[in-house]
Amino acid sequence: MEIKITKATALKEKPDSSTLGFGKIFTDHMFMMDWNSEKGWYNARIVPFENLSIHPASTVFHYGSEIFEGLKAYRRKDGKVQLFRPIENIRRMNNSAERLCLPQIPEDIAMDVLTKFVELEQDWTPSAEGTSLYLRPFMFGNDESLGVHAVHNATYVIIASPVGSYYAEGINPVKIMIEDEDVRAVRGGTGYAKCGGNYAASNRAGERAAKQGYAQVLWLDGVERKYIEEVGAMNVMFMINDEIVTPMLSGSILPGITRKSCIEVLKDKGFKVSERLLSVDELGEALKNGTLKEAWGCGTAAVVSPIGELCYKGTKYAINNGVIGEVTQMLYDTLTGIQWGKIADTYGWTMEI
């Protein structure tokens, strides 16, 4: 696909790596293209980063027709920039689009525009330890009508933000509260799609947990309220005895790319990995009898986030004495080693820009 490039006339000064934070600073340009039910995808362009002008009746405002993705570009020690499993993000975004009745993007086009955009903005990829260039592709319906119907017009955008190390002070295990009131998603709903509504609906429980001193909530299923699903906005894994257990993808759980990568690494290392239903009662019993050895969340932003304490209905349980476990540390070291080019990518997951 031909991409029209309009470069910014005044480039921003690159920030100091120590001031980056997450998602607060944005690069000089953004990618955009439009879709119409009759014309298909058209007007692909890279333009200076600026505010969007959207009609007040646009579908996204009134009916939540929106999806997004999150991935990173990494600066290797040799100075080159690479992506980590970008095709997985493209495929997941198309799955989300299908669920929200938004248009899908052919994989070759999606990969082409992503890599060309990163190539243009690659100088924004920081080189300090643990930093990266966060990429946020998103799509929204923008029919200028208040009628409820399938989307006829949509816009696809990619923006980029240099981000700091997620663990500026080291990987410290977090405290998690098991949520037994609100639910994140239900089977048949949008739980497996990466759409804004899922995250907005999770904020209430997250705020309640924060007021009690917890970093996030551990979600239970929306039907029986007994099976573990996700932790905060991440997938979750538990080491019970010598078995690694992670909730099966039942339609209400986001199919995480870091989750998939963890499973592949664990199996390659000889661990038994089970994708199955895990009840809160089984987890509670493992907490009580000491067979729960490690627990961690996994996602793009943190890679892995060790869990040091779980609270269920007022009772607190320490996990691995509140310190990061060997398996969790191994996963973090392996995945980040591949992402930043510190160790060989024997899986073929990285793509050099």
Protein backbone atom coordinates (compact mmCIF):
# COMPACT_ATOMS: atom_id res chain seq x y z
CA MET A 1 0.00 0.00 0.00
CA GLU A 2 1.30 3.46 -0.90
CA ILE A 3 1.85 5.65 2.16
CA LYS A 4 1.95 9.42 1.81
CA ILE A 5 4.48 10.92 4.23
CA THR A 6 4.24 14.48 5.49
CA LYS A 7 7.13 15.16 7.83
CA ALA A 8 6.89 17.51 10.78
CA THR A 9 8.52 20.87 10.11
CA ALA A 10 9.83 21.17 13.67
CA LEU A 11 11.10 18.04 15.40
CA LYS A 12 10.81 17.65 19.16
CA GLU A 13 13.82 17.31 21.42
CA LYS A 14 14.35 13.73 22.52
CA PRO A 15 13.71 13.36 26.26
CA ASP A 16 16.14 12.14 28.86
CA SER A 17 15.53 8.45 29.59
CA SER A 18 15.13 9.13 33.30
CA THR A 19 12.04 11.28 32.64
CA LEU A 20 10.10 8.95 30.36
CA GLY A 21 7.47 7.29 32.56
CA PHE A 22 4.79 5.50 30.56
CA GLY A 23 2.71 6.95 27.72
CA LYS A 24 3.27 10.61 28.52
CA ILE A 25 5.65 11.62 25.72
CA PHE A 26 4.89 11.09 22.04
CA THR A 27 6.98 11.02 18.89
CA ASP A 28 6.94 13.49 16.00
CA HIS A 29 4.58 11.55 13.73
CA MET A 30 1.59 9.21 13.65
CA PHE A 31 0.21 6.84 11.04
CA MET A 32 -3.40 7.05 9.86
CA MET A 33 -5.61 5.41 7.26
CA ASP A 34 -9.34 5.37 6.63
CA TRP A 35 -11.88 2.70 5.78
CA ASN A 36 -15.23 2.83 4.08
CA SER A 37 -17.57 -0.11 3.55
CA GLU A 38 -17.57 0.57 -0.19
CA LYS A 39 -13.99 1.75 -0.77
CA GLY A 40 -12.15 -0.46 1.71
CA TRP A 41 -8.90 0.86 3.21
CA TYR A 42 -7.57 4.07 1.66
CA ASN A 43 -5.60 7.29 2.29
CA ALA A 44 -2.69 5.70 4.17
CA ARG A 45 -0.51 8.47 5.54
CA ILE A 46 2.15 9.38 8.06
CA VAL A 47 1.57 12.89 9.36
CA PRO A 48 2.86 15.11 12.16
CA PHE A 49 1.52 14.10 15.58
CA GLU A 50 -1.52 16.23 16.33
CA ASN A 51 -5.02 16.18 17.82
CA LEU A 52 -7.74 14.31 15.97
CA SER A 53 -10.81 16.12 14.66
CA ILE A 54 -13.87 13.90 15.17
CA HIS A 55 -17.56 14.58 14.63
CA PRO A 56 -19.50 14.70 17.95
CA ALA A 57 -21.87 11.98 16.71
CA SER A 58 -19.06 9.56 15.83
CA THR A 59 -19.86 5.95 16.62
CA VAL A 60 -16.88 5.58 18.97
CA PHE A 61 -18.27 8.14 21.42
CA HIS A 62 -21.74 6.69 21.73
CA TYR A 63 -21.42 2.94 21.17
CA GLY A 64 -17.83 2.10 22.06
CA SER A 65 -16.71 0.99 18.60
CA GLU A 66 -13.01 0.92 19.45
CA ILE A 67 -10.14 -1.56 19.69
CA PHE A 68 -6.42 -1.24 20.32
CA GLU A 69 -3.13 -3.08 20.62
CA GLY A 70 0.13 -2.60 22.49
CA LEU A 71 3.61 -3.69 21.44
CA LYS A 72 7.15 -2.36 21.67
CA ALA A 73 10.22 -1.61 19.60
CA TYR A 74 13.50 -2.38 21.37
CA ARG A 75 16.98 -0.88 20.92
CA ARG A 76 19.60 -3.62 20.81
CA LYS A 77 23.16 -3.27 22.05
CA ASP A 78 24.36 -3.03 18.43
CA GLY A 79 22.15 0.03 17.95
CA LYS A 80 19.58 -1.64 15.72
CA VAL A 81 15.84 -1.66 16.50
CA GLN A 82 13.62 -4.73 16.55
CA LEU A 83 10.01 -5.73 17.20
CA PHE A 84 8.81 -8.70 19.22
CA ARG A 85 6.21 -11.01 17.59
CA PRO A 86 4.34 -8.19 15.78
CA ILE A 87 2.32 -10.63 13.67
CA GLU A 88 0.64 -11.85 16.86
CA ASN A 89 -0.56 -8.33 17.64
CA ILE A 90 -1.86 -7.93 14.10
CA ARG A 91 -3.80 -11.18 14.27
CA ARG A 92 -5.22 -10.38 17.70
CA MET A 93 -6.33 -6.96 16.52
CA ASN A 94 -8.17 -8.55 13.60
CA ASN A 95 -9.90 -10.90 16.04
CA SER A 96 -10.92 -7.91 18.14
CA ALA A 97 -12.15 -6.11 15.02
CA GLU A 98 -14.34 -9.06 14.07
CA ARG A 99 -15.93 -9.10 17.53
CA LEU A 100 -16.64 -5.35 17.54
CA CYS A 101 -17.87 -5.31 13.90
CA LEU A 102 -14.94 -3.16 12.83
CA PRO A 103 -13.01 -3.76 9.60
CA GLN A 104 -10.08 -6.17 9.58
CA ILE A 105 -6.77 -5.21 8.00
CA PRO A 106 -5.02 -7.71 5.68
CA GLU A 107 -1.95 -8.99 7.53
CA ASP A 108 0.52 -7.93 4.83
CA ILE A 109 -0.83 -4.37 4.81
CA ALA A 110 -0.88 -4.16 8.61
CA MET A 111 2.73 -5.35 8.84
CA ASP A 112 3.87 -3.04 6.04
CA VAL A 113 2.42 0.13 7.56
CA LEU A 114 3.63 -0.79 11.06
CA THR A 115 7.23 -1.40 10.01
CA LYS A 116 7.37 1.71 7.82
CA PHE A 117 6.06 3.84 10.67
CA VAL A 118 8.59 2.39 13.13
CA GLU A 119 11.36 2.85 10.59
CA LEU A 120 10.52 6.56 10.33
CA GLU A 121 10.32 7.01 14.12
CA GLN A 122 13.08 4.59 15.16
CA ASP A 123 15.37 7.38 16.42
CA TRP A 124 12.85 7.79 19.26
CA THR A 125 13.67 4.28 20.54
CA PRO A 126 15.68 4.88 23.72
CA SER A 127 18.78 2.85 24.54
CA ALA A 128 18.88 3.00 28.35
CA GLU A 129 18.43 -0.27 30.26
CA GLY A 130 14.80 -1.40 30.29
CA THR A 131 13.48 1.37 28.03
CA SER A 132 11.64 0.91 24.74
CA LEU A 133 9.37 2.57 22.19
CA TYR A 134 5.77 1.67 23.01
CA LEU A 135 3.51 1.36 19.96
CA ARG A 136 -0.24 1.85 20.25
CA PRO A 137 -2.24 0.89 17.14
CA PHE A 138 -5.95 1.62 17.55
CA MET A 139 -9.09 1.70 15.44
CA PHE A 140 -12.43 3.39 15.93
CA GLY A 141 -15.73 3.72 14.14
CA ASN A 142 -16.55 7.25 13.05
CA ASP A 143 -19.91 7.15 11.33
CA GLU A 144 -21.45 10.59 11.82
CA SER A 145 -24.81 9.24 12.88
CA LEU A 146 -26.54 8.32 16.15
CA GLY A 147 -28.17 5.21 14.70
CA VAL A 148 -27.07 1.86 16.10
CA HIS A 149 -25.71 -0.25 13.24
CA ALA A 150 -22.59 -1.93 11.93
CA VAL A 151 -19.74 0.49 11.26
CA HIS A 152 -19.54 1.92 7.74
CA ASN A 153 -16.57 4.24 8.31
CA ALA A 154 -13.51 3.73 10.48
CA THR A 155 -10.04 5.14 11.11
CA TYR A 156 -6.87 3.25 11.99
CA VAL A 157 -4.08 5.08 13.83
CA ILE A 158 -0.64 4.19 15.21
CA ILE A 159 1.06 6.43 17.75
CA ALA A 160 4.34 5.86 19.55
CA SER A 161 5.71 6.79 22.97
CA PRO A 162 9.21 6.22 24.36
CA VAL A 163 8.74 4.59 27.76
CA GLY A 164 10.94 4.01 30.78
CA SER A 165 11.78 0.81 32.57
CA TYR A 166 8.68 -0.76 34.12
CA TYR A 167 10.80 -1.85 37.07
CA ALA A 168 12.82 1.28 37.83
CA GLU A 169 13.64 -0.04 41.31
CA GLY A 170 13.80 -3.75 40.57
CA ILE A 171 11.14 -6.45 40.28
CA ASN A 172 9.21 -6.32 43.51
CA PRO A 173 6.32 -8.77 44.10
CA VAL A 174 2.93 -7.05 44.30
CA LYS A 175 -0.09 -7.57 46.53
CA ILE A 176 -3.29 -8.72 44.81
CA MET A 177 -6.89 -8.89 46.07
CA ILE A 178 -9.24 -11.55 44.72
CA GLU A 179 -12.34 -9.73 43.46
CA ASP A 180 -15.69 -11.40 44.29
CA GLU A 181 -18.16 -8.63 43.39
CA ASP A 182 -17.47 -7.14 39.96
CA VAL A 183 -16.57 -9.30 36.95
CA ARG A 184 -14.32 -8.35 34.08
CA ALA A 185 -16.08 -10.24 31.28
CA VAL A 186 -18.37 -13.15 30.47
CA ARG A 187 -18.19 -15.88 27.87
CA GLY A 188 -19.87 -14.71 24.71
CA GLY A 189 -18.96 -11.12 25.52
CA THR A 190 -15.88 -9.11 24.58
CA GLY A 191 -13.40 -10.53 27.10
CA TYR A 192 -11.10 -11.96 24.41
CA ALA A 193 -11.10 -8.67 22.46
CA LYS A 194 -8.77 -5.80 23.32
CA CYS A 195 -11.34 -3.03 23.52
CA GLY A 196 -11.63 -0.02 25.77
CA GLY A 197 -14.89 -1.08 27.40
CA ASN A 198 -13.23 -4.05 29.09
CA TYR A 199 -10.72 -1.77 30.78
CA ALA A 200 -13.18 0.96 31.74
CA ALA A 201 -15.44 -1.60 33.41
CA SER A 202 -12.53 -2.95 35.46
CA ASN A 203 -11.59 0.37 37.03
CA ARG A 204 -14.13 0.29 39.86
CA ALA A 205 -12.77 -2.92 41.37
CA GLY A 206 -9.22 -1.70 40.81
CA GLU A 207 -9.96 1.48 42.73
CA ARG A 208 -11.47 -0.48 45.62
CA ALA A 209 -8.38 -2.67 45.79
CA ALA A 210 -6.04 0.33 45.67
CA LYS A 211 -7.78 1.93 48.65
CA GLN A 212 -7.01 -1.22 50.63
CA GLY A 213 -3.35 -1.19 49.65
CA TYR A 214 -3.44 -3.69 46.76
CA ALA A 215 -1.86 -3.21 43.36
CA GLN A 216 -4.62 -4.93 41.40
CA VAL A 217 -7.42 -7.48 41.51
CA LEU A 218 -7.56 -11.13 40.55
CA TRP A 219 -10.69 -11.65 38.47
CA LEU A 220 -13.10 -14.57 38.77
CA ASP A 221 -15.34 -15.78 35.94
CA GLY A 222 -18.62 -13.98 35.39
CA VAL A 223 -20.91 -17.04 35.47
CA GLU A 224 -20.05 -19.17 38.49
CA ARG A 225 -17.78 -16.61 40.20
CA LYS A 226 -15.34 -19.38 41.10
CA TYR A 227 -12.77 -19.78 38.33
CA ILE A 228 -9.63 -17.64 38.06
CA GLU A 229 -9.39 -15.55 34.89
CA GLU A 230 -6.96 -12.60 34.80
CA VAL A 231 -5.01 -10.38 37.18
CA GLY A 232 -5.63 -6.70 36.56
CA ALA A 233 -5.02 -6.18 32.84
CA MET A 234 -2.67 -9.16 32.57
CA ASN A 235 -2.86 -12.90 32.16
CA VAL A 236 -1.90 -14.89 35.24
CA MET A 237 0.06 -18.06 35.99
CA PHE A 238 0.53 -20.19 39.12
CA MET A 239 3.13 -22.81 40.00
CA ILE A 240 1.32 -25.43 42.08
CA ASN A 241 3.73 -28.17 43.10
CA ASP A 242 5.62 -28.72 39.83
CA GLU A 243 2.74 -27.80 37.52
CA ILE A 244 2.40 -24.39 35.88
CA VAL A 245 -1.33 -23.61 35.68
CA THR A 246 -2.83 -20.76 33.67
CA PRO A 247 -6.55 -20.24 32.98
CA MET A 248 -7.67 -21.70 29.68
CA LEU A 249 -8.80 -19.33 26.93
CA SER A 250 -12.55 -19.72 27.35
CA GLY A 251 -13.63 -16.63 25.40
CA SER A 252 -13.65 -14.26 28.37
CA ILE A 253 -9.85 -14.06 28.69
CA LEU A 254 -7.52 -12.00 26.50
CA PRO A 255 -5.17 -14.28 24.50
CA GLY A 256 -1.99 -12.56 25.64
CA ILE A 257 1.12 -12.62 23.46
CA THR A 258 3.37 -12.60 26.53
CA ARG A 259 1.21 -15.42 27.92
CA LYS A 260 1.77 -17.42 24.74
CA SER A 261 5.50 -16.71 24.86
CA CYS A 262 5.74 -17.76 28.52
CA ILE A 263 4.01 -21.06 27.76
CA GLU A 264 6.39 -21.80 24.89
CA VAL A 265 9.47 -20.97 26.96
CA LEU A 266 8.24 -23.03 29.93
CA LYS A 267 7.52 -26.08 27.79
CA ASP A 268 10.90 -25.70 26.10
CA LYS A 269 12.51 -25.74 29.56
CA GLY A 270 10.70 -28.97 30.43
CA PHE A 271 7.96 -27.64 32.71
CA LYS A 272 4.50 -29.14 32.75
CA VAL A 273 2.10 -26.40 31.65
CA SER A 274 -1.66 -26.82 31.98
CA GLU A 275 -4.18 -24.46 30.39
CA ARG A 276 -7.28 -25.38 32.36
CA LEU A 277 -9.97 -24.22 34.73
CA LEU A 278 -8.55 -23.23 38.10
CA SER A 279 -11.09 -22.63 40.84
CA VAL A 280 -10.57 -20.14 43.63
CA ASP A 281 -11.13 -23.06 46.04
CA GLU A 282 -8.25 -25.04 44.49
CA LEU A 283 -6.06 -21.95 44.60
CA GLY A 284 -7.05 -21.31 48.22
CA GLU A 285 -6.18 -24.86 49.20
CA ALA A 286 -2.77 -24.50 47.51
CA LEU A 287 -2.23 -21.27 49.45
CA LYS A 288 -3.13 -22.94 52.74
CA ASN A 289 -1.06 -26.10 52.33
CA GLY A 290 1.97 -24.38 50.80
CA THR A 291 1.89 -26.08 47.40
CA LEU A 292 1.50 -22.72 45.61
CA LYS A 293 5.16 -21.98 45.03
CA GLU A 294 5.01 -18.99 42.69
CA ALA A 295 2.48 -16.74 40.99
CA TRP A 296 2.90 -14.01 38.39
CA GLY A 297 1.04 -11.84 35.93
CA CYS A 298 2.30 -11.48 32.37
CA GLY A 299 1.78 -8.79 29.75
CA THR A 300 3.53 -6.46 27.31
CA ALA A 301 4.17 -3.59 29.73
CA ALA A 302 5.74 -5.53 32.61
CA VAL A 303 6.63 -8.81 30.83
CA VAL A 304 6.13 -10.61 34.15
CA SER A 305 4.94 -9.22 37.47
CA PRO A 306 5.53 -11.49 40.49
CA ILE A 307 2.71 -11.82 43.01
CA GLY A 308 3.88 -11.83 46.62
CA GLU A 309 0.55 -11.77 48.44
CA LEU A 310 -3.06 -12.74 47.72
CA CYS A 311 -6.04 -11.61 49.78
CA TYR A 312 -9.37 -13.45 49.59
CA LYS A 313 -12.34 -12.36 51.68
CA GLY A 314 -10.08 -10.64 54.19
CA THR A 315 -7.54 -13.45 54.62
CA LYS A 316 -4.01 -12.72 53.43
CA TYR A 317 -1.64 -15.35 52.05
CA ALA A 318 2.07 -14.83 51.36
CA ILE A 319 3.55 -16.47 48.26
CA ASN A 320 7.19 -17.58 48.20
CA ASN A 321 7.84 -15.44 51.31
CA GLY A 322 7.02 -12.33 49.29
CA VAL A 323 10.05 -12.56 46.99
CA ILE A 324 10.32 -13.29 43.28
CA GLY A 325 10.61 -16.99 42.46
CA GLU A 326 13.18 -18.74 40.27
CA VAL A 327 10.72 -19.58 37.49
CA THR A 328 9.33 -16.05 37.36
CA GLN A 329 12.85 -14.62 37.23
CA MET A 330 13.82 -17.08 34.49
CA LEU A 331 10.86 -16.02 32.35
CA TYR A 332 11.67 -12.35 32.80
CA ASP A 333 15.35 -12.85 31.96
CA THR A 334 14.59 -15.02 28.93
CA LEU A 335 11.90 -12.84 27.37
CA THR A 336 13.62 -9.52 28.00
CA GLY A 337 16.89 -11.04 26.82
CA ILE A 338 15.28 -11.90 23.48
CA GLN A 339 13.42 -8.58 23.23
CA TRP A 340 16.53 -6.44 23.74
CA GLY A 341 18.79 -8.76 21.76
CA LYS A 342 20.88 -9.78 24.76
CA ILE A 343 20.43 -13.50 24.07
CA ALA A 344 19.90 -15.44 20.86
CA ASP A 345 16.33 -15.60 19.55
CA THR A 346 16.03 -19.33 18.90
CA TYR A 347 12.25 -19.01 18.44
CA GLY A 348 12.28 -16.60 15.50
CA TRP A 349 10.14 -14.06 17.40
CA THR A 350 12.00 -10.83 16.62
CA MET A 351 11.88 -8.66 13.50
CA GLU A 352 14.65 -6.21 12.76
CA ILE A 353 13.66 -2.80 11.43
